[in-house]
Amino acid sequence: MTFKLELKVRDYECDLQGIVNNGVYFNYLEHARHEFLAANKVDFAQLAADKINLVVVRSEIDFKLSLIPGDEFYVEVVPERISKVRFGFRQKIVRLKDQKVAIDALIIGTSLNERGRPFLPDYINSVFPAE
């Protein structure tokens, strides 16, 4: 199950070199993950009300190409089961005009209950394929 979100580089996301600042890519990746989860009926407001927090525990990012102002791109999200209580998002940022990969990433997360212990409630568990 692959999810794609199209975006466009805004001028203020770039640094003095005229390229997207490396920290901004984390925002693109996170926004796409949130949209993916929302499309799969995972409601962050309800999670907070239930005292469940989704957290990132590891990020692996390969920077392959710099985006510049005006570049249109998409962020691809592919869910992956990592372990009983961890899930992953394989993500790519791809420039639309030539389909070149700018970012290749694996983001690993879990959900924490109100005591700070990892667990996966059924409605989050169902989003990720079985091991």
C-alpha atoms as a PDB file:
ATOM      1  CA  MET A   1       0.000   0.000   0.000  1.00  0.00           C
ATOM      2  CA  THR A   2       1.751   3.158  -1.243  1.00  0.00           C
ATOM      3  CA  PHE A   3       0.512   6.626  -0.334  1.00  0.00           C
ATOM      4  CA  LYS A   4       1.667   9.755  -2.232  1.00  0.00           C
ATOM      5  CA  LEU A   5       1.341  13.408  -1.293  1.00  0.00           C
ATOM      6  CA  GLU A   6       2.254  16.157  -3.774  1.00  0.00           C
ATOM      7  CA  LEU A   7       3.870  19.383  -2.544  1.00  0.00           C
ATOM      8  CA  LYS A   8       5.838  22.347  -3.876  1.00  0.00           C
ATOM      9  CA  VAL A   9       8.999  23.957  -2.444  1.00  0.00           C
ATOM     10  CA  ARG A  10       8.316  27.399  -0.982  1.00  0.00           C
ATOM     11  CA  ASP A  11      11.000  30.098  -1.029  1.00  0.00           C
ATOM     12  CA  TYR A  12      11.221  30.390   2.761  1.00  0.00           C
ATOM     13  CA  GLU A  13      12.150  26.690   3.063  1.00  0.00           C
ATOM     14  CA  CYS A  14      15.488  27.350   1.365  1.00  0.00           C
ATOM     15  CA  ASP A  15      18.776  28.453   2.865  1.00  0.00           C
ATOM     16  CA  LEU A  16      21.385  30.943   1.621  1.00  0.00           C
ATOM     17  CA  GLN A  17      22.593  28.394  -0.930  1.00  0.00           C
ATOM     18  CA  GLY A  18      19.189  28.507  -2.608  1.00  0.00           C
ATOM     19  CA  ILE A  19      18.342  24.894  -1.795  1.00  0.00           C
ATOM     20  CA  VAL A  20      15.883  23.331   0.637  1.00  0.00           C
ATOM     21  CA  ASN A  21      17.400  23.356   4.113  1.00  0.00           C
ATOM     22  CA  ASN A  22      18.132  19.810   5.280  1.00  0.00           C
ATOM     23  CA  GLY A  23      15.843  20.167   8.321  1.00  0.00           C
ATOM     24  CA  VAL A  24      12.866  21.023   6.114  1.00  0.00           C
ATOM     25  CA  TYR A  25      12.907  17.541   4.594  1.00  0.00           C
ATOM     26  CA  PHE A  26      11.944  16.181   8.030  1.00  0.00           C
ATOM     27  CA  ASN A  27       8.845  18.415   7.877  1.00  0.00           C
ATOM     28  CA  TYR A  28       7.914  17.113   4.432  1.00  0.00           C
ATOM     29  CA  LEU A  29       8.306  13.514   5.614  1.00  0.00           C
ATOM     30  CA  GLU A  30       6.308  14.113   8.795  1.00  0.00           C
ATOM     31  CA  HIS A  31       3.491  15.910   6.984  1.00  0.00           C
ATOM     32  CA  ALA A  32       3.170  12.996   4.538  1.00  0.00           C
ATOM     33  CA  ARG A  33       3.108  10.466   7.418  1.00  0.00           C
ATOM     34  CA  HIS A  34       0.346  12.435   9.148  1.00  0.00           C
ATOM     35  CA  GLU A  35      -1.672  12.603   5.927  1.00  0.00           C
ATOM     36  CA  PHE A  36      -1.139   8.870   5.397  1.00  0.00           C
ATOM     37  CA  LEU A  37      -2.393   8.111   8.915  1.00  0.00           C
ATOM     38  CA  ALA A  38      -5.376  10.457   8.520  1.00  0.00           C
ATOM     39  CA  ALA A  39      -6.260   8.712   5.236  1.00  0.00           C
ATOM     40  CA  ASN A  40      -6.215   5.474   7.236  1.00  0.00           C
ATOM     41  CA  LYS A  41      -8.577   6.896   9.868  1.00  0.00           C
ATOM     42  CA  VAL A  42      -5.945   7.441  12.585  1.00  0.00           C
ATOM     43  CA  ASP A  43      -7.072  10.601  14.422  1.00  0.00           C
ATOM     44  CA  PHE A  44      -4.289  12.422  16.301  1.00  0.00           C
ATOM     45  CA  ALA A  45      -6.774  14.429  18.395  1.00  0.00           C
ATOM     46  CA  GLN A  46      -8.449  11.206  19.514  1.00  0.00           C
ATOM     47  CA  LEU A  47      -5.077   9.622  20.258  1.00  0.00           C
ATOM     48  CA  ALA A  48      -4.190  12.554  22.520  1.00  0.00           C
ATOM     49  CA  ALA A  49      -7.591  12.304  24.242  1.00  0.00           C
ATOM     50  CA  ASP A  50      -6.893   8.595  24.784  1.00  0.00           C
ATOM     51  CA  LYS A  51      -3.447   9.483  26.208  1.00  0.00           C
ATOM     52  CA  ILE A  52      -1.672   7.669  23.378  1.00  0.00           C
ATOM     53  CA  ASN A  53       1.361   9.297  21.795  1.00  0.00           C
ATOM     54  CA  LEU A  54       2.894   8.328  18.469  1.00  0.00           C
ATOM     55  CA  VAL A  55       6.644   8.890  18.599  1.00  0.00           C
ATOM     56  CA  VAL A  56       9.592   8.565  16.238  1.00  0.00           C
ATOM     57  CA  VAL A  57      12.375   6.431  17.688  1.00  0.00           C
ATOM     58  CA  ARG A  58      14.757   6.373  14.708  1.00  0.00           C
ATOM     59  CA  SER A  59      15.287   8.253  11.439  1.00  0.00           C
ATOM     60  CA  GLU A  60      17.532   7.116   8.604  1.00  0.00           C
ATOM     61  CA  ILE A  61      17.739   9.590   5.735  1.00  0.00           C
ATOM     62  CA  ASP A  62      19.857   9.522   2.593  1.00  0.00           C
ATOM     63  CA  PHE A  63      20.082  12.930   0.915  1.00  0.00           C
ATOM     64  CA  LYS A  64      20.441  12.314  -2.823  1.00  0.00           C
ATOM     65  CA  LEU A  65      19.400  15.544  -4.558  1.00  0.00           C
ATOM     66  CA  SER A  66      18.697  19.113  -3.438  1.00  0.00           C
ATOM     67  CA  LEU A  67      15.319  20.624  -4.218  1.00  0.00           C
ATOM     68  CA  ILE A  68      15.075  24.321  -5.097  1.00  0.00           C
ATOM     69  CA  PRO A  69      12.293  26.941  -4.923  1.00  0.00           C
ATOM     70  CA  GLY A  70       9.342  26.046  -7.125  1.00  0.00           C
ATOM     71  CA  ASP A  71      10.239  22.366  -7.462  1.00  0.00           C
ATOM     72  CA  GLU A  72       7.128  20.220  -7.403  1.00  0.00           C
ATOM     73  CA  PHE A  73       7.573  16.853  -5.745  1.00  0.00           C
ATOM     74  CA  TYR A  74       5.752  14.046  -4.049  1.00  0.00           C
ATOM     75  CA  VAL A  75       6.414  12.232  -0.825  1.00  0.00           C
ATOM     76  CA  GLU A  76       5.825   8.516  -0.978  1.00  0.00           C
ATOM     77  CA  VAL A  77       4.876   6.608   2.181  1.00  0.00           C
ATOM     78  CA  VAL A  78       4.976   2.818   2.439  1.00  0.00           C
ATOM     79  CA  PRO A  79       4.074   1.349   5.849  1.00  0.00           C
ATOM     80  CA  GLU A  80       6.158  -1.490   7.218  1.00  0.00           C
ATOM     81  CA  ARG A  81       5.991  -3.667  10.323  1.00  0.00           C
ATOM     82  CA  ILE A  82       9.290  -3.561  12.229  1.00  0.00           C
ATOM     83  CA  SER A  83       8.409  -5.560  15.365  1.00  0.00           C
ATOM     84  CA  LYS A  84       5.504  -6.300  17.673  1.00  0.00           C
ATOM     85  CA  VAL A  85       5.506  -2.709  18.974  1.00  0.00           C
ATOM     86  CA  ARG A  86       7.377  -0.808  16.255  1.00  0.00           C
ATOM     87  CA  PHE A  87       6.286   0.314  12.834  1.00  0.00           C
ATOM     88  CA  GLY A  88       8.158   1.904   9.977  1.00  0.00           C
ATOM     89  CA  PHE A  89       7.543   4.265   7.134  1.00  0.00           C
ATOM     90  CA  ARG A  90       9.668   3.784   4.017  1.00  0.00           C
ATOM     91  CA  GLN A  91       9.599   7.205   2.426  1.00  0.00           C
ATOM     92  CA  LYS A  92      10.925   8.832  -0.711  1.00  0.00           C
ATOM     93  CA  ILE A  93      10.802  12.419  -1.883  1.00  0.00           C
ATOM     94  CA  VAL A  94      10.710  12.456  -5.678  1.00  0.00           C
ATOM     95  CA  ARG A  95      10.994  15.524  -7.919  1.00  0.00           C
ATOM     96  CA  LEU A  96       8.062  15.456 -10.336  1.00  0.00           C
ATOM     97  CA  LYS A  97       9.698  16.925 -13.466  1.00  0.00           C
ATOM     98  CA  ASP A  98      12.225  14.093 -13.847  1.00  0.00           C
ATOM     99  CA  GLN A  99      11.219  11.510 -11.210  1.00  0.00           C
ATOM    100  CA  LYS A 100      14.632  11.826  -9.511  1.00  0.00           C
ATOM    101  CA  VAL A 101      14.776  10.768  -5.872  1.00  0.00           C
ATOM    102  CA  ALA A 102      15.824  13.603  -3.554  1.00  0.00           C
ATOM    103  CA  ILE A 103      15.383  11.737  -0.249  1.00  0.00           C
ATOM    104  CA  ASP A 104      15.269   8.056   0.656  1.00  0.00           C
ATOM    105  CA  ALA A 105      14.262   7.486   4.276  1.00  0.00           C
ATOM    106  CA  LEU A 106      13.165   4.969   6.873  1.00  0.00           C
ATOM    107  CA  ILE A 107      11.358   6.433   9.873  1.00  0.00           C
ATOM    108  CA  ILE A 108      10.663   4.050  12.760  1.00  0.00           C
ATOM    109  CA  GLY A 109       8.085   4.750  15.433  1.00  0.00           C
ATOM    110  CA  THR A 110       5.914   3.308  18.135  1.00  0.00           C
ATOM    111  CA  SER A 111       2.988   4.415  20.234  1.00  0.00           C
ATOM    112  CA  LEU A 112       3.230   4.998  23.968  1.00  0.00           C
ATOM    113  CA  ASN A 113       0.458   4.537  26.496  1.00  0.00           C
ATOM    114  CA  GLU A 114      -0.171   6.983  29.355  1.00  0.00           C
ATOM    115  CA  ARG A 115       2.578   5.261  31.414  1.00  0.00           C
ATOM    116  CA  GLY A 116       5.078   5.779  28.591  1.00  0.00           C
ATOM    117  CA  ARG A 117       5.146   2.084  27.669  1.00  0.00           C
ATOM    118  CA  PRO A 118       5.225   1.016  24.003  1.00  0.00           C
ATOM    119  CA  PHE A 119       2.149  -0.752  22.609  1.00  0.00           C
ATOM    120  CA  LEU A 120       0.074  -0.688  19.443  1.00  0.00           C
ATOM    121  CA  PRO A 121      -3.677  -0.207  19.735  1.00  0.00           C
ATOM    122  CA  ASP A 122      -5.716  -2.203  17.213  1.00  0.00           C
ATOM    123  CA  TYR A 123      -6.573   0.778  14.986  1.00  0.00           C
ATOM    124  CA  ILE A 124      -2.873   1.607  14.568  1.00  0.00           C
ATOM    125  CA  ASN A 125      -1.830  -2.024  14.391  1.00  0.00           C
ATOM    126  CA  SER A 126      -4.207  -2.568  11.460  1.00  0.00           C
ATOM    127  CA  VAL A 127      -2.437   0.087   9.342  1.00  0.00           C
ATOM    128  CA  PHE A 128       0.814  -1.883   9.203  1.00  0.00           C
ATOM    129  CA  PRO A 129       1.274  -5.252   7.501  1.00  0.00           C
ATOM    130  CA  ALA A 130       1.960  -8.286   9.685  1.00  0.00           C
ATOM    131  CA  GLU A 131       5.571  -9.303  10.288  1.00  0.00           C
END
